[in-house]
Protein backbone atom coordinates (compact mmCIF):
# COMPACT_ATOMS: atom_id res chain seq x y z
CA MET A 1 0.05 -0.08 0.28
CA THR A 2 1.50 3.69 -0.66
CA LYS A 3 0.13 6.84 0.08
CA HIS A 4 -0.36 9.46 -2.58
CA ASN A 5 -0.31 13.37 -2.29
CA PRO A 6 -1.81 14.51 -5.87
CA SER A 7 -1.52 17.83 -5.30
CA VAL A 8 1.51 19.72 -6.56
CA SER A 9 2.14 23.22 -5.69
CA SER A 10 2.87 25.70 -9.11
CA ALA A 11 6.32 26.22 -7.56
CA THR A 12 7.25 22.71 -8.09
CA LEU A 13 5.40 22.74 -11.76
CA GLN A 14 7.43 25.96 -12.56
CA LEU A 15 10.81 24.61 -11.26
CA ALA A 16 10.61 21.49 -13.04
CA GLU A 17 10.72 23.61 -16.45
CA ASN A 18 13.69 25.50 -15.27
CA PRO A 19 17.41 23.99 -17.07
CA LYS A 20 18.35 20.98 -15.68
CA ALA A 21 21.16 22.40 -13.50
CA GLU A 22 18.84 24.26 -11.69
CA VAL A 23 16.47 21.32 -10.70
CA ILE A 24 19.61 19.25 -9.57
CA GLU A 25 20.71 22.27 -7.63
CA ALA A 26 17.27 22.31 -5.87
CA ILE A 27 17.55 18.34 -5.74
CA ASN A 28 20.80 18.70 -3.50
CA ASP A 29 19.06 21.86 -1.00
CA LEU A 30 16.38 19.26 -0.32
CA LYS A 31 18.70 16.55 0.64
CA LYS A 32 20.67 19.05 2.96
CA GLN A 33 17.37 20.33 4.17
CA LYS A 34 15.33 17.03 4.99
CA ASN A 35 18.01 14.95 5.88
CA ALA A 36 17.16 12.67 2.53
CA LEU A 37 19.38 10.53 0.97
CA ILE A 38 18.93 9.13 -2.70
CA MET A 39 19.62 5.56 -3.70
CA ALA A 40 19.82 4.84 -7.09
CA HIS A 41 20.31 1.44 -9.15
CA TYR A 42 22.83 1.49 -12.00
CA TYR A 43 20.05 0.67 -14.47
CA GLN A 44 18.63 4.72 -13.88
CA HIS A 45 18.87 7.57 -15.93
CA PRO A 46 22.57 8.96 -15.81
CA ASP A 47 21.19 12.33 -14.63
CA ILE A 48 19.68 10.51 -11.60
CA GLN A 49 23.29 8.43 -10.84
CA ASP A 50 24.88 11.80 -10.83
CA VAL A 51 23.07 13.40 -8.21
CA ALA A 52 22.13 10.12 -6.17
CA ASP A 53 23.93 9.71 -2.79
CA MET A 54 25.36 6.24 -3.97
CA VAL A 55 24.88 4.07 -6.75
CA GLY A 56 24.91 0.26 -7.00
CA ASP A 57 23.23 -3.25 -7.47
CA SER A 58 20.03 -4.56 -5.51
CA LEU A 59 22.57 -5.72 -3.06
CA GLN A 60 24.34 -2.79 -2.58
CA MET A 61 21.20 -1.29 -1.93
CA ALA A 62 19.65 -3.55 0.66
CA GLN A 63 23.23 -3.18 2.47
CA PHE A 64 23.17 0.44 2.07
CA ALA A 65 19.58 1.21 3.45
CA THR A 66 20.72 -1.17 7.02
CA GLN A 67 23.86 1.44 7.54
CA THR A 68 22.19 4.78 6.45
CA GLN A 69 20.79 7.85 9.32
CA ALA A 70 18.81 9.21 7.32
CA ASP A 71 15.19 10.59 7.56
CA ILE A 72 14.06 9.95 4.24
CA LEU A 73 15.46 7.41 1.95
CA VAL A 74 14.75 8.21 -1.85
CA VAL A 75 15.04 4.74 -3.78
CA ALA A 76 15.66 5.55 -7.53
CA GLY A 77 14.96 2.52 -8.87
CA VAL A 78 11.60 0.06 -8.89
CA CYS A 79 9.17 -0.89 -6.58
CA PHE A 80 10.62 -3.91 -5.08
CA MET A 81 13.67 -1.96 -4.12
CA ALA A 82 11.67 0.48 -2.47
CA GLU A 83 9.54 -2.08 -0.42
CA THR A 84 13.23 -3.88 0.71
CA ALA A 85 14.78 -0.48 1.69
CA LYS A 86 11.42 0.21 3.67
CA ILE A 87 10.99 -3.62 4.96
CA LEU A 88 14.81 -2.71 6.39
CA ASN A 89 14.00 0.60 7.20
CA PRO A 90 10.56 0.77 8.90
CA LEU A 91 11.01 3.87 11.08
CA ARG A 92 12.25 6.05 8.06
CA LYS A 93 10.28 7.35 4.90
CA VAL A 94 10.73 5.43 1.78
CA LEU A 95 9.71 7.23 -1.12
CA LEU A 96 9.97 6.38 -4.80
CA PRO A 97 9.80 8.92 -7.67
CA ASP A 98 7.24 7.20 -9.61
CA LEU A 99 4.71 4.29 -8.61
CA GLN A 100 4.36 3.06 -11.81
CA ALA A 101 7.80 1.73 -11.95
CA GLY A 102 7.38 -2.01 -11.58
CA CYS A 103 9.64 -4.92 -12.30
CA SER A 104 8.14 -7.40 -15.19
CA LEU A 105 9.86 -10.01 -12.86
CA ALA A 106 8.62 -8.94 -10.05
CA ASP A 107 4.95 -9.11 -11.61
CA SER A 108 5.46 -12.95 -13.19
CA CYS A 109 5.13 -14.01 -9.33
CA PRO A 110 1.96 -13.40 -8.47
CA ALA A 111 1.21 -14.23 -4.11
CA ASP A 112 -1.53 -16.27 -4.71
CA GLN A 113 0.20 -18.85 -7.53
CA PHE A 114 3.39 -18.79 -5.60
CA LYS A 115 1.53 -19.53 -2.04
CA ALA A 116 0.11 -23.24 -4.15
CA PHE A 117 3.77 -23.44 -5.62
CA ILE A 118 4.96 -23.55 -1.78
CA GLU A 119 1.93 -25.69 -0.60
CA ALA A 120 2.37 -27.78 -3.54
CA HIS A 121 6.25 -29.00 -2.08
CA PRO A 122 5.81 -28.57 1.59
CA GLN A 123 9.32 -29.93 2.68
CA SER A 124 11.24 -27.67 0.25
CA PRO A 125 13.51 -24.61 1.37
CA VAL A 126 12.11 -21.59 -0.44
CA VAL A 127 14.74 -19.21 -2.23
CA THR A 128 13.34 -15.85 -3.74
CA TYR A 129 15.67 -13.35 -6.02
CA ILE A 130 15.53 -10.36 -4.51
CA ASN A 131 13.29 -8.83 -7.21
CA CYS A 132 9.89 -9.96 -6.20
CA SER A 133 7.31 -8.48 -3.95
CA ALA A 134 7.39 -8.09 0.05
CA GLU A 135 4.78 -10.77 -0.20
CA ILE A 136 7.08 -13.16 -1.89
CA LYS A 137 9.35 -12.22 0.40
CA ALA A 138 7.41 -13.07 3.62
CA MET A 139 7.15 -16.45 2.46
CA SER A 140 10.48 -17.16 1.64
CA ASP A 141 13.27 -18.68 3.85
CA ILE A 142 16.01 -16.46 2.43
CA VAL A 143 16.10 -14.10 -0.13
CA CYS A 144 19.54 -13.68 -2.72
CA THR A 145 20.57 -11.41 -5.63
CA SER A 146 22.58 -12.31 -8.43
CA SER A 147 26.15 -11.25 -6.40
CA ASN A 148 25.32 -14.07 -3.49
CA ALA A 149 22.52 -16.89 -4.88
CA VAL A 150 25.24 -19.48 -5.74
CA LYS A 151 26.47 -18.74 -1.99
CA ILE A 152 23.28 -18.97 -0.75
CA ILE A 153 22.23 -21.99 -2.63
CA ASN A 154 24.97 -23.43 -1.36
CA ALA A 155 24.61 -22.59 1.86
CA ILE A 156 21.39 -24.42 2.07
CA HIS A 157 21.57 -27.67 4.52
CA SER A 158 18.51 -30.04 3.10
CA ASN A 159 18.31 -33.42 1.01
CA GLU A 160 14.84 -31.99 -0.26
CA PRO A 161 14.83 -29.84 -3.71
CA ILE A 162 14.71 -26.21 -3.37
CA ILE A 163 12.11 -23.81 -4.16
CA PHE A 164 13.65 -20.85 -6.46
CA ALA A 165 11.60 -18.11 -8.04
CA PRO A 166 10.70 -15.84 -9.79
CA ASP A 167 13.96 -16.05 -12.52
CA VAL A 168 13.53 -19.42 -14.31
CA ASN A 169 17.11 -17.90 -16.25
CA LEU A 170 19.02 -17.36 -12.85
CA GLY A 171 17.38 -20.38 -11.56
CA LYS A 172 18.91 -22.54 -14.63
CA TYR A 173 21.88 -21.08 -14.13
CA LEU A 174 22.20 -21.45 -10.58
CA MET A 175 21.73 -25.07 -10.94
CA LYS A 176 24.43 -25.69 -13.29
CA GLN A 177 26.72 -23.75 -10.95
CA THR A 178 25.78 -25.33 -7.51
CA GLY A 179 24.69 -28.75 -8.70
CA ARG A 180 21.75 -28.44 -6.82
CA HIS A 181 18.00 -29.74 -7.53
CA LEU A 182 15.75 -26.41 -7.93
CA LEU A 183 12.08 -26.39 -8.50
CA LEU A 184 12.11 -23.22 -10.87
CA TRP A 185 9.26 -20.85 -10.94
CA ASN A 186 8.55 -19.88 -14.50
CA GLY A 187 9.45 -16.12 -14.64
CA SER A 188 11.92 -13.73 -16.11
CA CYS A 189 12.78 -10.46 -16.98
CA LEU A 190 11.72 -8.35 -20.40
CA VAL A 191 15.11 -6.70 -20.55
CA HIS A 192 17.26 -10.06 -20.32
CA GLU A 193 14.91 -12.07 -22.34
CA ASN A 194 15.40 -9.27 -25.35
CA PHE A 195 18.94 -10.04 -26.52
CA SER A 196 19.48 -11.35 -30.01
CA ILE A 197 22.30 -13.71 -30.19
CA ASP A 198 22.19 -13.20 -34.22
CA LYS A 199 22.78 -9.57 -33.47
CA ILE A 200 25.62 -10.27 -31.01
CA LEU A 201 27.39 -12.52 -33.14
CA ASP A 202 27.23 -9.47 -36.09
CA LEU A 203 28.33 -7.63 -33.29
CA HIS A 204 31.62 -9.67 -32.49
CA ARG A 205 32.52 -9.90 -35.90
CA LYS A 206 32.93 -6.07 -35.97
CA TYR A 207 34.79 -5.97 -32.69
CA PRO A 208 36.46 -9.36 -32.72
CA GLU A 209 38.89 -8.68 -29.64
CA ALA A 210 35.85 -7.89 -27.84
CA ARG A 211 35.18 -9.82 -24.55
CA PHE A 212 31.21 -10.36 -24.11
CA ILE A 213 29.95 -10.20 -20.36
CA ALA A 214 26.49 -11.10 -19.32
CA HIS A 215 24.13 -10.97 -16.40
CA PRO A 216 22.51 -14.40 -15.05
CA GLU A 217 19.26 -13.04 -15.69
CA SER A 218 19.93 -13.64 -19.44
CA GLN A 219 18.64 -16.90 -21.50
CA PRO A 220 21.20 -19.81 -21.34
CA HIS A 221 22.06 -20.02 -25.26
CA ILE A 222 23.14 -16.15 -24.71
CA LEU A 223 25.19 -17.27 -21.35
CA ARG A 224 26.98 -19.78 -22.87
CA LEU A 225 28.58 -17.29 -25.40
CA ALA A 226 29.63 -15.27 -22.55
CA THR A 227 33.45 -14.58 -21.10
CA TYR A 228 32.17 -13.29 -17.76
CA ILE A 229 28.56 -13.94 -15.89
CA GLY A 230 27.77 -11.74 -13.16
CA SER A 231 25.63 -9.47 -11.26
CA THR A 232 25.98 -5.47 -12.57
CA LYS A 233 28.70 -4.61 -9.84
CA GLY A 234 30.20 -7.79 -10.68
CA MET A 235 30.79 -7.05 -14.19
CA ILE A 236 31.97 -3.61 -13.42
CA ASP A 237 34.44 -5.05 -11.55
CA PHE A 238 35.35 -7.91 -14.20
CA VAL A 239 35.85 -4.76 -16.68
CA LYS A 240 38.02 -2.58 -14.68
CA GLN A 241 40.50 -5.84 -13.74
CA HIS A 242 40.52 -7.28 -17.23
CA HIS A 243 43.27 -7.03 -19.47
CA ALA A 244 40.98 -6.60 -22.64
CA ASN A 245 40.13 -2.88 -24.08
CA GLU A 246 36.67 -3.53 -25.66
CA PHE A 247 33.19 -4.95 -23.97
CA ILE A 248 30.03 -6.28 -25.47
CA VAL A 249 27.77 -6.31 -22.46
CA ALA A 250 24.59 -7.85 -22.26
CA THR A 251 22.28 -5.87 -18.95
CA GLU A 252 20.19 -3.15 -19.24
CA ALA A 253 21.94 -0.50 -21.11
CA GLY A 254 22.20 2.22 -18.24
CA ILE A 255 24.94 0.34 -16.33
CA LEU A 256 27.52 1.77 -19.14
CA HIS A 257 27.36 5.05 -17.43
CA GLN A 258 29.17 4.06 -14.27
CA MET A 259 30.79 1.56 -15.91
CA GLN A 260 32.48 4.28 -18.42
CA LYS A 261 33.29 6.45 -15.74
CA GLU A 262 35.44 3.42 -14.32
CA VAL A 263 37.33 2.50 -17.55
CA PRO A 264 37.11 5.84 -19.73
CA HIS A 265 39.80 4.63 -21.86
CA LYS A 266 37.78 1.44 -22.96
CA THR A 267 35.50 0.61 -25.47
CA LEU A 268 31.86 -0.52 -23.71
CA LEU A 269 29.22 -1.81 -26.40
CA PRO A 270 25.76 -2.59 -25.52
CA ALA A 271 24.60 -6.03 -26.36
CA PRO A 272 21.90 -5.64 -29.57
CA VAL A 273 18.15 -6.32 -28.82
CA PHE A 274 15.72 -8.22 -31.62
CA GLU A 275 13.62 -4.96 -31.59
CA GLU A 276 14.69 -2.00 -32.98
CA ASN A 277 14.49 1.10 -30.69
CA ALA A 278 16.47 4.72 -29.75
CA CYS A 279 20.02 2.80 -29.02
CA ALA A 280 19.23 -0.69 -30.21
CA CYS A 281 19.97 -1.66 -26.50
CA SER A 282 18.18 -2.97 -23.98
CA GLU A 283 16.36 -0.21 -21.79
CA CYS A 284 14.25 -1.28 -18.83
CA PRO A 285 10.69 1.07 -19.16
CA TYR A 286 9.87 0.54 -16.01
CA MET A 287 13.50 2.02 -14.61
CA LYS A 288 13.61 5.09 -17.15
CA MET A 289 10.49 6.12 -15.41
CA ASN A 290 11.78 8.08 -12.82
CA THR A 291 13.24 11.51 -14.03
CA LEU A 292 14.89 14.36 -12.12
CA GLU A 293 11.68 16.33 -12.07
CA LYS A 294 9.55 13.27 -10.65
CA LEU A 295 12.72 13.28 -8.14
CA PHE A 296 12.37 16.44 -7.41
CA GLN A 297 8.89 16.19 -6.97
CA CYS A 298 8.81 13.50 -4.59
CA LEU A 299 11.38 15.27 -2.35
CA GLN A 300 9.59 18.64 -2.27
CA CYS A 301 5.94 16.63 -1.75
CA GLU A 302 7.55 13.81 0.12
CA THR A 303 5.28 11.22 -1.44
CA PRO A 304 4.47 8.90 -3.23
CA GLU A 305 5.32 7.00 0.11
CA ILE A 306 5.82 3.22 0.71
CA THR A 307 4.24 1.12 3.23
CA ILE A 308 4.11 -2.29 3.84
CA ASN A 309 1.61 -4.19 5.94
CA GLU A 310 3.49 -5.10 8.94
CA ALA A 311 3.26 -8.82 9.58
CA VAL A 312 4.57 -8.87 6.04
CA ARG A 313 7.11 -6.69 6.64
CA ILE A 314 8.40 -8.24 9.48
CA LYS A 315 8.29 -12.03 7.67
CA ALA A 316 10.35 -10.58 4.60
CA LYS A 317 12.72 -9.17 6.91
CA ARG A 318 13.73 -12.31 8.25
CA ALA A 319 14.16 -13.39 4.82
CA LEU A 320 16.31 -10.40 4.27
CA ASP A 321 18.49 -10.09 7.29
CA ARG A 322 19.39 -13.96 6.61
CA MET A 323 20.80 -12.77 2.92
CA LEU A 324 22.66 -9.86 4.53
CA GLU A 325 23.92 -12.14 7.16
CA LEU A 326 25.48 -14.63 4.65
CA SER A 327 26.60 -11.44 2.68
């Protein structure tokens, strides 16, 4: 459940039409006035990443959320990320610039259907990928991210098959990496389902020295091409540490902003997708719903605010705490 305040002052609207530099200055002023911090995911617009207090993947954002002393946390990401911040910070105000910023992967796992899936396998431990709703986390024994999923699966001591949801591609990758028997929920991310293997091979012919790196939410036939498979943070670290100077990057194209900052001398190429769009790369329409203007209005009005049923929050926090203890 979320709180809305549809009224926006005329001053807010006027400021939103001012040049970008003024909006950024206003955001920074509001952060100081309100003891607010902005957490941004790597997939956000570059302008939002640049004004944020931290930029990271889902694990880094969850860890940051437990360490901050801010009164207000603004999550520049999607709904499940804001819910995670609220689960871990019940006494702080957690805001999301646009409530429509959902997640195709989270949406692919409705709570009522997942409950029935669990009930059909009552002895199985339940591991869920952090890209899911608070209700799904509340049904879980432990949560994982792409950064720590292998470690968490290996840490589970059970002879029963492990339920893993919602990402089927990550689940297949984990079975291969761990040798464990996973009962997979058939969910997927629209971004990572959209890469074209033919176009990737064509691009590699143009850049034969390029290393191909991919996020494990990608389909198995895409992962088979990869020199490196890992989380968004892991991909950035790999590009920094590897001697190669050219990389084809298969994840949401927003990562290239921070990645290029780390390796300004290297050539970074977004992996191409089936459909042509403005950049012929894979972009998440939900991640890109957040804008500087919405971020300013969110801080100005302190809305939309994320709220979570307390019984759900407590159960979800147990699963998240177990993840953080292992991370």
